[in-house]
PDB file of N, CA and C in Angstrom:
ATOM      1  N   GLU A   1      -4.233  -4.690  54.542  1.00  0.00           N
ATOM      2  CA  GLU A   1      -3.067  -4.098  53.918  1.00  0.00           C
ATOM      3  C   GLU A   1      -2.740  -4.826  52.596  1.00  0.00           C
ATOM      4  N   GLU A   2      -2.675  -6.116  52.643  1.00  0.00           N
ATOM      5  CA  GLU A   2      -2.405  -6.919  51.448  1.00  0.00           C
ATOM      6  C   GLU A   2      -3.528  -6.759  50.431  1.00  0.00           C
ATOM      7  N   GLU A   3      -4.774  -6.728  50.900  1.00  0.00           N
ATOM      8  CA  GLU A   3      -5.937  -6.584  50.012  1.00  0.00           C
ATOM      9  C   GLU A   3      -5.921  -5.235  49.305  1.00  0.00           C
ATOM     10  N   GLU A   4      -5.532  -4.191  50.031  1.00  0.00           N
ATOM     11  CA  GLU A   4      -5.451  -2.853  49.428  1.00  0.00           C
ATOM     12  C   GLU A   4      -4.385  -2.826  48.336  1.00  0.00           C
ATOM     13  N   ARG A   5      -3.280  -3.468  48.615  1.00  0.00           N
ATOM     14  CA  ARG A   5      -2.192  -3.518  47.640  1.00  0.00           C
ATOM     15  C   ARG A   5      -2.651  -4.249  46.381  1.00  0.00           C
ATOM     16  N   VAL A   6      -3.336  -5.354  46.547  1.00  0.00           N
ATOM     17  CA  VAL A   6      -3.858  -6.115  45.413  1.00  0.00           C
ATOM     18  C   VAL A   6      -4.860  -5.270  44.645  1.00  0.00           C
ATOM     19  N   LYS A   7      -5.717  -4.559  45.382  1.00  0.00           N
ATOM     20  CA  LYS A   7      -6.744  -3.720  44.751  1.00  0.00           C
ATOM     21  C   LYS A   7      -6.104  -2.600  43.931  1.00  0.00           C
ATOM     22  N   THR A   8      -5.121  -1.911  44.494  1.00  0.00           N
ATOM     23  CA  THR A   8      -4.479  -0.811  43.756  1.00  0.00           C
ATOM     24  C   THR A   8      -3.716  -1.341  42.547  1.00  0.00           C
ATOM     25  N   LEU A   9      -3.062  -2.485  42.722  1.00  0.00           N
ATOM     26  CA  LEU A   9      -2.322  -3.062  41.595  1.00  0.00           C
ATOM     27  C   LEU A   9      -3.273  -3.492  40.480  1.00  0.00           C
ATOM     28  N   SER A  10      -4.404  -4.063  40.830  1.00  0.00           N
ATOM     29  CA  SER A  10      -5.364  -4.474  39.797  1.00  0.00           C
ATOM     30  C   SER A  10      -5.953  -3.253  39.089  1.00  0.00           C
ATOM     31  N   GLN A  11      -6.150  -2.157  39.838  1.00  0.00           N
ATOM     32  CA  GLN A  11      -6.623  -0.920  39.207  1.00  0.00           C
ATOM     33  C   GLN A  11      -5.577  -0.387  38.230  1.00  0.00           C
ATOM     34  N   LYS A  12      -4.321  -0.442  38.632  1.00  0.00           N
ATOM     35  CA  LYS A  12      -3.243   0.003  37.741  1.00  0.00           C
ATOM     36  C   LYS A  12      -3.198  -0.856  36.481  1.00  0.00           C
ATOM     37  N   VAL A  13      -3.355  -2.164  36.658  1.00  0.00           N
ATOM     38  CA  VAL A  13      -3.345  -3.074  35.514  1.00  0.00           C
ATOM     39  C   VAL A  13      -4.473  -2.718  34.560  1.00  0.00           C
ATOM     40  N   ARG A  14      -5.679  -2.492  35.099  1.00  0.00           N
ATOM     41  CA  ARG A  14      -6.826  -2.138  34.248  1.00  0.00           C
ATOM     42  C   ARG A  14      -6.585  -0.838  33.503  1.00  0.00           C
ATOM     43  N   SER A  15      -6.055   0.160  34.211  1.00  0.00           N
ATOM     44  CA  SER A  15      -5.823   1.449  33.543  1.00  0.00           C
ATOM     45  C   SER A  15      -4.738   1.314  32.470  1.00  0.00           C
ATOM     46  N   LEU A  16      -3.707   0.516  32.752  1.00  0.00           N
ATOM     47  CA  LEU A  16      -2.649   0.317  31.757  1.00  0.00           C
ATOM     48  C   LEU A  16      -3.162  -0.468  30.552  1.00  0.00           C
ATOM     49  N   GLU A  17      -4.006  -1.462  30.781  1.00  0.00           N
ATOM     50  CA  GLU A  17      -4.589  -2.212  29.664  1.00  0.00           C
ATOM     51  C   GLU A  17      -5.469  -1.310  28.808  1.00  0.00           C
ATOM     52  N   LYS A  18      -6.209  -0.417  29.477  1.00  0.00           N
ATOM     53  CA  LYS A  18      -7.072   0.519  28.752  1.00  0.00           C
ATOM     54  C   LYS A  18      -6.233   1.461  27.890  1.00  0.00           C
ATOM     55  N   SER A  19      -5.180   2.030  28.477  1.00  0.00           N
ATOM     56  CA  SER A  19      -4.332   2.946  27.700  1.00  0.00           C
ATOM     57  C   SER A  19      -3.589   2.187  26.604  1.00  0.00           C
ATOM     58  N   ASN A  20      -3.244   0.929  26.866  1.00  0.00           N
ATOM     59  CA  ASN A  20      -2.596   0.108  25.844  1.00  0.00           C
ATOM     60  C   ASN A  20      -3.543  -0.100  24.663  1.00  0.00           C
ATOM     61  N   GLY A  21      -4.816  -0.349  24.945  1.00  0.00           N
ATOM     62  CA  GLY A  21      -5.814  -0.507  23.881  1.00  0.00           C
ATOM     63  C   GLY A  21      -5.938   0.756  23.046  1.00  0.00           C
ATOM     64  N   HIS A  22      -5.951   1.908  23.733  1.00  0.00           N
ATOM     65  CA  HIS A  22      -6.031   3.185  23.005  1.00  0.00           C
ATOM     66  C   HIS A  22      -4.815   3.362  22.097  1.00  0.00           C
ATOM     67  N   LEU A  23      -3.643   3.023  22.628  1.00  0.00           N
ATOM     68  CA  LEU A  23      -2.426   3.170  21.828  1.00  0.00           C
ATOM     69  C   LEU A  23      -2.423   2.212  20.642  1.00  0.00           C
ATOM     70  N   LYS A  24      -2.933   0.992  20.835  1.00  0.00           N
ATOM     71  CA  LYS A  24      -3.014   0.051  19.716  1.00  0.00           C
ATOM     72  C   LYS A  24      -3.922   0.594  18.623  1.00  0.00           C
ATOM     73  N   GLU A  25      -5.058   1.180  19.009  1.00  0.00           N
ATOM     74  CA  GLU A  25      -5.971   1.781  18.027  1.00  0.00           C
ATOM     75  C   GLU A  25      -5.288   2.926  17.290  1.00  0.00           C
ATOM     76  N   LYS A  26      -4.555   3.729  18.043  1.00  0.00           N
ATOM     77  CA  LYS A  26      -3.865   4.870  17.436  1.00  0.00           C
ATOM     78  C   LYS A  26      -2.827   4.393  16.415  1.00  0.00           C
ATOM     79  N   VAL A  27      -2.072   3.357  16.774  1.00  0.00           N
ATOM     80  CA  VAL A  27      -1.068   2.804  15.859  1.00  0.00           C
ATOM     81  C   VAL A  27      -1.740   2.258  14.613  1.00  0.00           C
ATOM     82  N   LYS A  28      -2.859   1.545  14.803  1.00  0.00           N
ATOM     83  CA  LYS A  28      -3.572   0.969  13.662  1.00  0.00           C
ATOM     84  C   LYS A  28      -4.056   2.072  12.724  1.00  0.00           C
ATOM     85  N   ASN A  29      -4.610   3.148  13.286  1.00  0.00           N
ATOM     86  CA  ASN A  29      -5.085   4.264  12.459  1.00  0.00           C
ATOM     87  C   ASN A  29      -3.932   4.946  11.724  1.00  0.00           C
ATOM     88  N   LEU A  30      -2.816   5.130  12.414  1.00  0.00           N
ATOM     89  CA  LEU A  30      -1.666   5.768  11.768  1.00  0.00           C
ATOM     90  C   LEU A  30      -1.114   4.906  10.640  1.00  0.00           C
ATOM     91  N   LYS A  31      -1.088   3.586  10.845  1.00  0.00           N
ATOM     92  CA  LYS A  31      -0.616   2.698   9.781  1.00  0.00           C
ATOM     93  C   LYS A  31      -1.539   2.764   8.576  1.00  0.00           C
ATOM     94  N   ARG A  32      -2.852   2.819   8.828  1.00  0.00           N
ATOM     95  CA  ARG A  32      -3.817   2.911   7.725  1.00  0.00           C
ATOM     96  C   ARG A  32      -3.615   4.210   6.962  1.00  0.00           C
ATOM     97  N   LEU A  33      -3.452   5.313   7.701  1.00  0.00           N
ATOM     98  CA  LEU A  33      -3.231   6.605   7.045  1.00  0.00           C
ATOM     99  C   LEU A  33      -1.936   6.596   6.228  1.00  0.00           C
ATOM    100  N   LEU A  34      -0.915   5.944   6.747  1.00  0.00           N
ATOM    101  CA  LEU A  34       0.352   5.859   6.026  1.00  0.00           C
ATOM    102  C   LEU A  34       0.189   5.072   4.731  1.00  0.00           C
ATOM    103  N   ARG A  35      -0.528   3.945   4.791  1.00  0.00           N
ATOM    104  CA  ARG A  35      -0.755   3.159   3.573  1.00  0.00           C
ATOM    105  C   ARG A  35      -1.537   3.969   2.545  1.00  0.00           C
ATOM    106  N   GLN A  36      -2.554   4.709   3.005  1.00  0.00           N
ATOM    107  CA  GLN A  36      -3.338   5.535   2.082  1.00  0.00           C
ATOM    108  C   GLN A  36      -2.466   6.608   1.459  1.00  0.00           C
ATOM    109  N   ALA A  37      -1.628   7.231   2.264  1.00  0.00           N
ATOM    110  CA  ALA A  37      -0.759   8.295   1.747  1.00  0.00           C
ATOM    111  C   ALA A  37       0.239   7.736   0.743  1.00  0.00           C
ATOM    112  N   GLN A  38       0.686   6.507   0.950  1.00  0.00           N
ATOM    113  CA  GLN A  38       1.628   5.909   0.008  1.00  0.00           C
ATOM    114  C   GLN A  38       0.933   5.526  -1.285  1.00  0.00           C
ATOM    115  N   ARG A  39      -0.350   5.165  -1.215  1.00  0.00           N
ATOM    116  CA  ARG A  39      -1.086   4.783  -2.418  1.00  0.00           C
ATOM    117  C   ARG A  39      -1.470   5.996  -3.252  1.00  0.00           C
ATOM    118  N   GLU A  40      -1.768   7.128  -2.637  1.00  0.00           N
ATOM    119  CA  GLU A  40      -2.239   8.311  -3.367  1.00  0.00           C
ATOM    120  C   GLU A  40      -1.234   8.805  -4.409  1.00  0.00           C
ATOM    121  N   PRO A  41       0.050   8.941  -4.089  1.00  0.00           N
ATOM    122  CA  PRO A  41       0.983   9.371  -5.140  1.00  0.00           C
ATOM    123  C   PRO A  41       1.040   8.380  -6.294  1.00  0.00           C
ATOM    124  N   ALA A  42       0.898   7.105  -5.999  1.00  0.00           N
ATOM    125  CA  ALA A  42       0.905   6.107  -7.071  1.00  0.00           C
ATOM    126  C   ALA A  42      -0.311   6.300  -7.969  1.00  0.00           C
ATOM    127  N   LYS A  43      -1.459   6.595  -7.374  1.00  0.00           N
ATOM    128  CA  LYS A  43      -2.670   6.837  -8.168  1.00  0.00           C
ATOM    129  C   LYS A  43      -2.502   8.088  -9.019  1.00  0.00           C
ATOM    130  N   GLU A  44      -1.940   9.140  -8.412  1.00  0.00           N
ATOM    131  CA  GLU A  44      -1.730  10.381  -9.163  1.00  0.00           C
ATOM    132  C   GLU A  44      -0.772  10.133 -10.327  1.00  0.00           C
ATOM    133  N   GLN A  45       0.279   9.365 -10.074  1.00  0.00           N
ATOM    134  CA  GLN A  45       1.256   9.051 -11.121  1.00  0.00           C
ATOM    135  C   GLN A  45       0.585   8.268 -12.239  1.00  0.00           C
ATOM    136  N   GLN A  46      -0.263   7.296 -11.858  1.00  0.00           N
ATOM    137  CA  GLN A  46      -0.949   6.478 -12.850  1.00  0.00           C
ATOM    138  C   GLN A  46      -1.914   7.337 -13.655  1.00  0.00           C
ATOM    139  N   THR A  47      -2.629   8.237 -12.976  1.00  0.00           N
ATOM    140  CA  THR A  47      -3.570   9.112 -13.660  1.00  0.00           C
ATOM    141  C   THR A  47      -2.834  10.002 -14.649  1.00  0.00           C
ATOM    142  N   LEU A  48      -1.699  10.534 -14.230  1.00  0.00           N
ATOM    143  CA  LEU A  48      -0.928  11.393 -15.128  1.00  0.00           C
ATOM    144  C   LEU A  48      -0.434  10.609 -16.335  1.00  0.00           C
ATOM    145  N   SER A  49       0.052   9.399 -16.112  1.00  0.00           N
ATOM    146  CA  SER A  49       0.565   8.638 -17.251  1.00  0.00           C
ATOM    147  C   SER A  49      -0.565   8.259 -18.197  1.00  0.00           C
ATOM    148  N   LEU A  50      -1.752   7.930 -17.671  1.00  0.00           N
ATOM    149  CA  LEU A  50      -2.889   7.631 -18.538  1.00  0.00           C
ATOM    150  C   LEU A  50      -3.309   8.869 -19.318  1.00  0.00           C
ATOM    151  N   LYS A  51      -3.263  10.016 -18.647  1.00  0.00           N
ATOM    152  CA  LYS A  51      -3.631  11.262 -19.316  1.00  0.00           C
ATOM    153  C   LYS A  51      -2.639  11.563 -20.447  1.00  0.00           C
ATOM    154  N   GLN A  52      -1.360  11.377 -20.169  1.00  0.00           N
ATOM    155  CA  GLN A  52      -0.346  11.613 -21.196  1.00  0.00           C
ATOM    156  C   GLN A  52      -0.508  10.636 -22.350  1.00  0.00           C
ATOM    157  N   LEU A  53      -0.831   9.395 -22.052  1.00  0.00           N
ATOM    158  CA  LEU A  53      -1.037   8.391 -23.087  1.00  0.00           C
ATOM    159  C   LEU A  53      -2.228   8.773 -23.951  1.00  0.00           C
ATOM    160  N   TYR A  54      -3.311   9.200 -23.312  1.00  0.00           N
ATOM    161  CA  TYR A  54      -4.504   9.601 -24.051  1.00  0.00           C
ATOM    162  C   TYR A  54      -4.202  10.796 -24.946  1.00  0.00           C
ATOM    163  N   GLU A  55      -3.494  11.782 -24.390  1.00  0.00           N
ATOM    164  CA  GLU A  55      -3.187  12.984 -25.165  1.00  0.00           C
ATOM    165  C   GLU A  55      -2.263  12.666 -26.338  1.00  0.00           C
ATOM    166  N   SER A  56      -1.379  11.716 -26.180  1.00  0.00           N
ATOM    167  CA  SER A  56      -0.472  11.389 -27.279  1.00  0.00           C
ATOM    168  C   SER A  56      -1.194  10.632 -28.389  1.00  0.00           C
ATOM    169  N   LYS A  57      -2.274   9.912 -28.068  1.00  0.00           N
ATOM    170  CA  LYS A  57      -3.001   9.156 -29.085  1.00  0.00           C
ATOM    171  C   LYS A  57      -4.013  10.008 -29.840  1.00  0.00           C
ATOM    172  N   THR A  58      -4.481  11.096 -29.243  1.00  0.00           N
ATOM    173  CA  THR A  58      -5.461  11.932 -29.929  1.00  0.00           C
ATOM    174  C   THR A  58      -4.766  12.701 -31.039  1.00  0.00           C
ATOM    175  N   PRO A  59      -5.368  12.755 -32.210  1.00  0.00           N
ATOM    176  CA  PRO A  59      -4.739  13.478 -33.318  1.00  0.00           C
ATOM    177  C   PRO A  59      -4.708  14.976 -33.028  1.00  0.00           C
ATOM    178  N   GLN A  60      -3.581  15.546 -33.327  1.00  0.00           N
ATOM    179  CA  GLN A  60      -3.429  16.975 -33.097  1.00  0.00           C
ATOM    180  C   GLN A  60      -3.903  17.729 -34.338  1.00  0.00           C
ATOM    181  N   THR A  61      -5.019  18.415 -34.220  1.00  0.00           N
ATOM    182  CA  THR A  61      -5.549  19.187 -35.339  1.00  0.00           C
ATOM    183  C   THR A  61      -5.194  20.647 -35.147  1.00  0.00           C
ATOM    184  N   HIS A  62      -5.248  21.347 -36.216  1.00  0.00           N
ATOM    185  CA  HIS A  62      -4.978  22.770 -36.170  1.00  0.00           C
ATOM    186  C   HIS A  62      -6.134  23.447 -35.449  1.00  0.00           C
ATOM    187  N   PRO A  63      -5.855  24.438 -34.612  1.00  0.00           N
ATOM    188  CA  PRO A  63      -6.941  25.079 -33.857  1.00  0.00           C
ATOM    189  C   PRO A  63      -8.001  25.742 -34.741  1.00  0.00           C
ATOM    190  N   ASP A  64      -7.623  26.147 -35.955  1.00  0.00           N
ATOM    191  CA  ASP A  64      -8.597  26.802 -36.828  1.00  0.00           C
ATOM    192  C   ASP A  64      -9.551  25.807 -37.468  1.00  0.00           C
ATOM    193  N   GLN A  65      -9.179  24.546 -37.495  1.00  0.00           N
ATOM    194  CA  GLN A  65     -10.067  23.550 -38.091  1.00  0.00           C
ATOM    195  C   GLN A  65     -11.202  23.243 -37.128  1.00  0.00           C
ATOM    196  N   ASP A  66     -12.383  23.144 -37.679  1.00  0.00           N
ATOM    197  CA  ASP A  66     -13.542  22.847 -36.855  1.00  0.00           C
ATOM    198  C   ASP A  66     -14.105  21.508 -37.306  1.00  0.00           C
ATOM    199  N   THR A  67     -13.479  20.443 -36.873  1.00  0.00           N
ATOM    200  CA  THR A  67     -13.873  19.113 -37.347  1.00  0.00           C
ATOM    201  C   THR A  67     -15.224  18.696 -36.799  1.00  0.00           C
ATOM    202  N   ILE A  68     -15.562  19.140 -35.623  1.00  0.00           N
ATOM    203  CA  ILE A  68     -16.846  18.750 -35.030  1.00  0.00           C
ATOM    204  C   ILE A  68     -17.996  19.329 -35.843  1.00  0.00           C
ATOM    205  N   GLN A  69     -17.874  20.564 -36.252  1.00  0.00           N
ATOM    206  CA  GLN A  69     -18.941  21.181 -37.043  1.00  0.00           C
ATOM    207  C   GLN A  69     -19.095  20.488 -38.388  1.00  0.00           C
ATOM    208  N   ASP A  70     -17.966  20.079 -38.987  1.00  0.00           N
ATOM    209  CA  ASP A  70     -18.033  19.385 -40.270  1.00  0.00           C
ATOM    210  C   ASP A  70     -18.836  18.100 -40.141  1.00  0.00           C
ATOM    211  N   GLU A  71     -18.614  17.382 -39.060  1.00  0.00           N
ATOM    212  CA  GLU A  71     -19.340  16.133 -38.855  1.00  0.00           C
ATOM    213  C   GLU A  71     -20.825  16.381 -38.618  1.00  0.00           C
ATOM    214  N   LYS A  72     -21.147  17.450 -37.928  1.00  0.00           N
ATOM    215  CA  LYS A  72     -22.551  17.745 -37.615  1.00  0.00           C
ATOM    216  C   LYS A  72     -23.332  18.161 -38.861  1.00  0.00           C
ATOM    217  N   ASN A  73     -22.663  18.816 -39.789  1.00  0.00           N
ATOM    218  CA  ASN A  73     -23.365  19.360 -40.950  1.00  0.00           C
ATOM    219  C   ASN A  73     -23.577  18.350 -42.068  1.00  0.00           C
ATOM    220  N   ARG A  74     -23.016  17.163 -41.963  1.00  0.00           N
ATOM    221  CA  ARG A  74     -23.214  16.157 -43.005  1.00  0.00           C
ATOM    222  C   ARG A  74     -24.655  15.673 -42.973  1.00  0.00           C
ATOM    223  N   PRO A  75     -25.266  15.555 -44.150  1.00  0.00           N
ATOM    224  CA  PRO A  75     -26.641  15.041 -44.161  1.00  0.00           C
ATOM    225  C   PRO A  75     -26.640  13.547 -43.867  1.00  0.00           C
ATOM    226  N   LEU A  76     -27.680  13.092 -43.184  1.00  0.00           N
ATOM    227  CA  LEU A  76     -27.803  11.677 -42.872  1.00  0.00           C
ATOM    228  C   LEU A  76     -28.348  10.937 -44.077  1.00  0.00           C
ATOM    229  N   LYS A  77     -27.833   9.734 -44.298  1.00  0.00           N
ATOM    230  CA  LYS A  77     -28.342   8.924 -45.397  1.00  0.00           C
ATOM    231  C   LYS A  77     -29.587   8.200 -44.920  1.00  0.00           C
ATOM    232  N   LYS A  78     -30.593   8.171 -45.769  1.00  0.00           N
ATOM    233  CA  LYS A  78     -31.813   7.459 -45.416  1.00  0.00           C
ATOM    234  C   LYS A  78     -31.676   6.007 -45.851  1.00  0.00           C
ATOM    235  N   VAL A  79     -32.010   5.111 -44.956  1.00  0.00           N
ATOM    236  CA  VAL A  79     -31.960   3.684 -45.260  1.00  0.00           C
ATOM    237  C   VAL A  79     -33.363   3.257 -45.652  1.00  0.00           C
ATOM    238  N   PRO A  80     -33.502   2.608 -46.808  1.00  0.00           N
ATOM    239  CA  PRO A  80     -34.839   2.152 -47.217  1.00  0.00           C
ATOM    240  C   PRO A  80     -35.426   1.203 -46.175  1.00  0.00           C
ATOM    241  N   SER A  81     -36.701   1.319 -45.969  1.00  0.00           N
ATOM    242  CA  SER A  81     -37.355   0.543 -44.922  1.00  0.00           C
ATOM    243  C   SER A  81     -37.307  -0.958 -45.180  1.00  0.00           C
ATOM    244  N   LYS A  82     -37.248  -1.397 -46.450  1.00  0.00           N
ATOM    245  CA  LYS A  82     -37.178  -2.825 -46.753  1.00  0.00           C
ATOM    246  C   LYS A  82     -35.890  -3.429 -46.198  1.00  0.00           C
ATOM    247  N   LYS A  83     -34.806  -2.693 -46.250  1.00  0.00           N
ATOM    248  CA  LYS A  83     -33.536  -3.203 -45.737  1.00  0.00           C
ATOM    249  C   LYS A  83     -33.573  -3.317 -44.214  1.00  0.00           C
ATOM    250  N   LEU A  84     -34.317  -2.461 -43.578  1.00  0.00           N
ATOM    251  CA  LEU A  84     -34.413  -2.509 -42.132  1.00  0.00           C
ATOM    252  C   LEU A  84     -35.196  -3.729 -41.663  1.00  0.00           C
ATOM    253  N   ARG A  85     -36.188  -4.140 -42.414  1.00  0.00           N
ATOM    254  CA  ARG A  85     -37.039  -5.262 -42.004  1.00  0.00           C
ATOM    255  C   ARG A  85     -36.286  -6.581 -42.040  1.00  0.00           C
ATOM    256  N   ASN A  86     -35.347  -6.737 -42.969  1.00  0.00           N
ATOM    257  CA  ASN A  86     -34.625  -8.013 -43.095  1.00  0.00           C
ATOM    258  C   ASN A  86     -33.567  -8.055 -42.089  1.00  0.00           C
TER     259      ASN A  86
END
């Protein structure tokens, strides 16, 4: 009778320890997900501010101006080979 009681109690302890381990893992995963979720808006905010900073520094040209084509059409200057050797 006493042995059966000890056996059932030890089984209960094992099952409770097992479920406790599962719950600890679940809490750990939820905390990790929460930290990630808190970091993501900060990253998005940082990305937006960097994008705004970049856009404010780029010169605003008129849409009709084609500055890229102007740069492409310039002839290249030839460098004399003697200057390259030195």
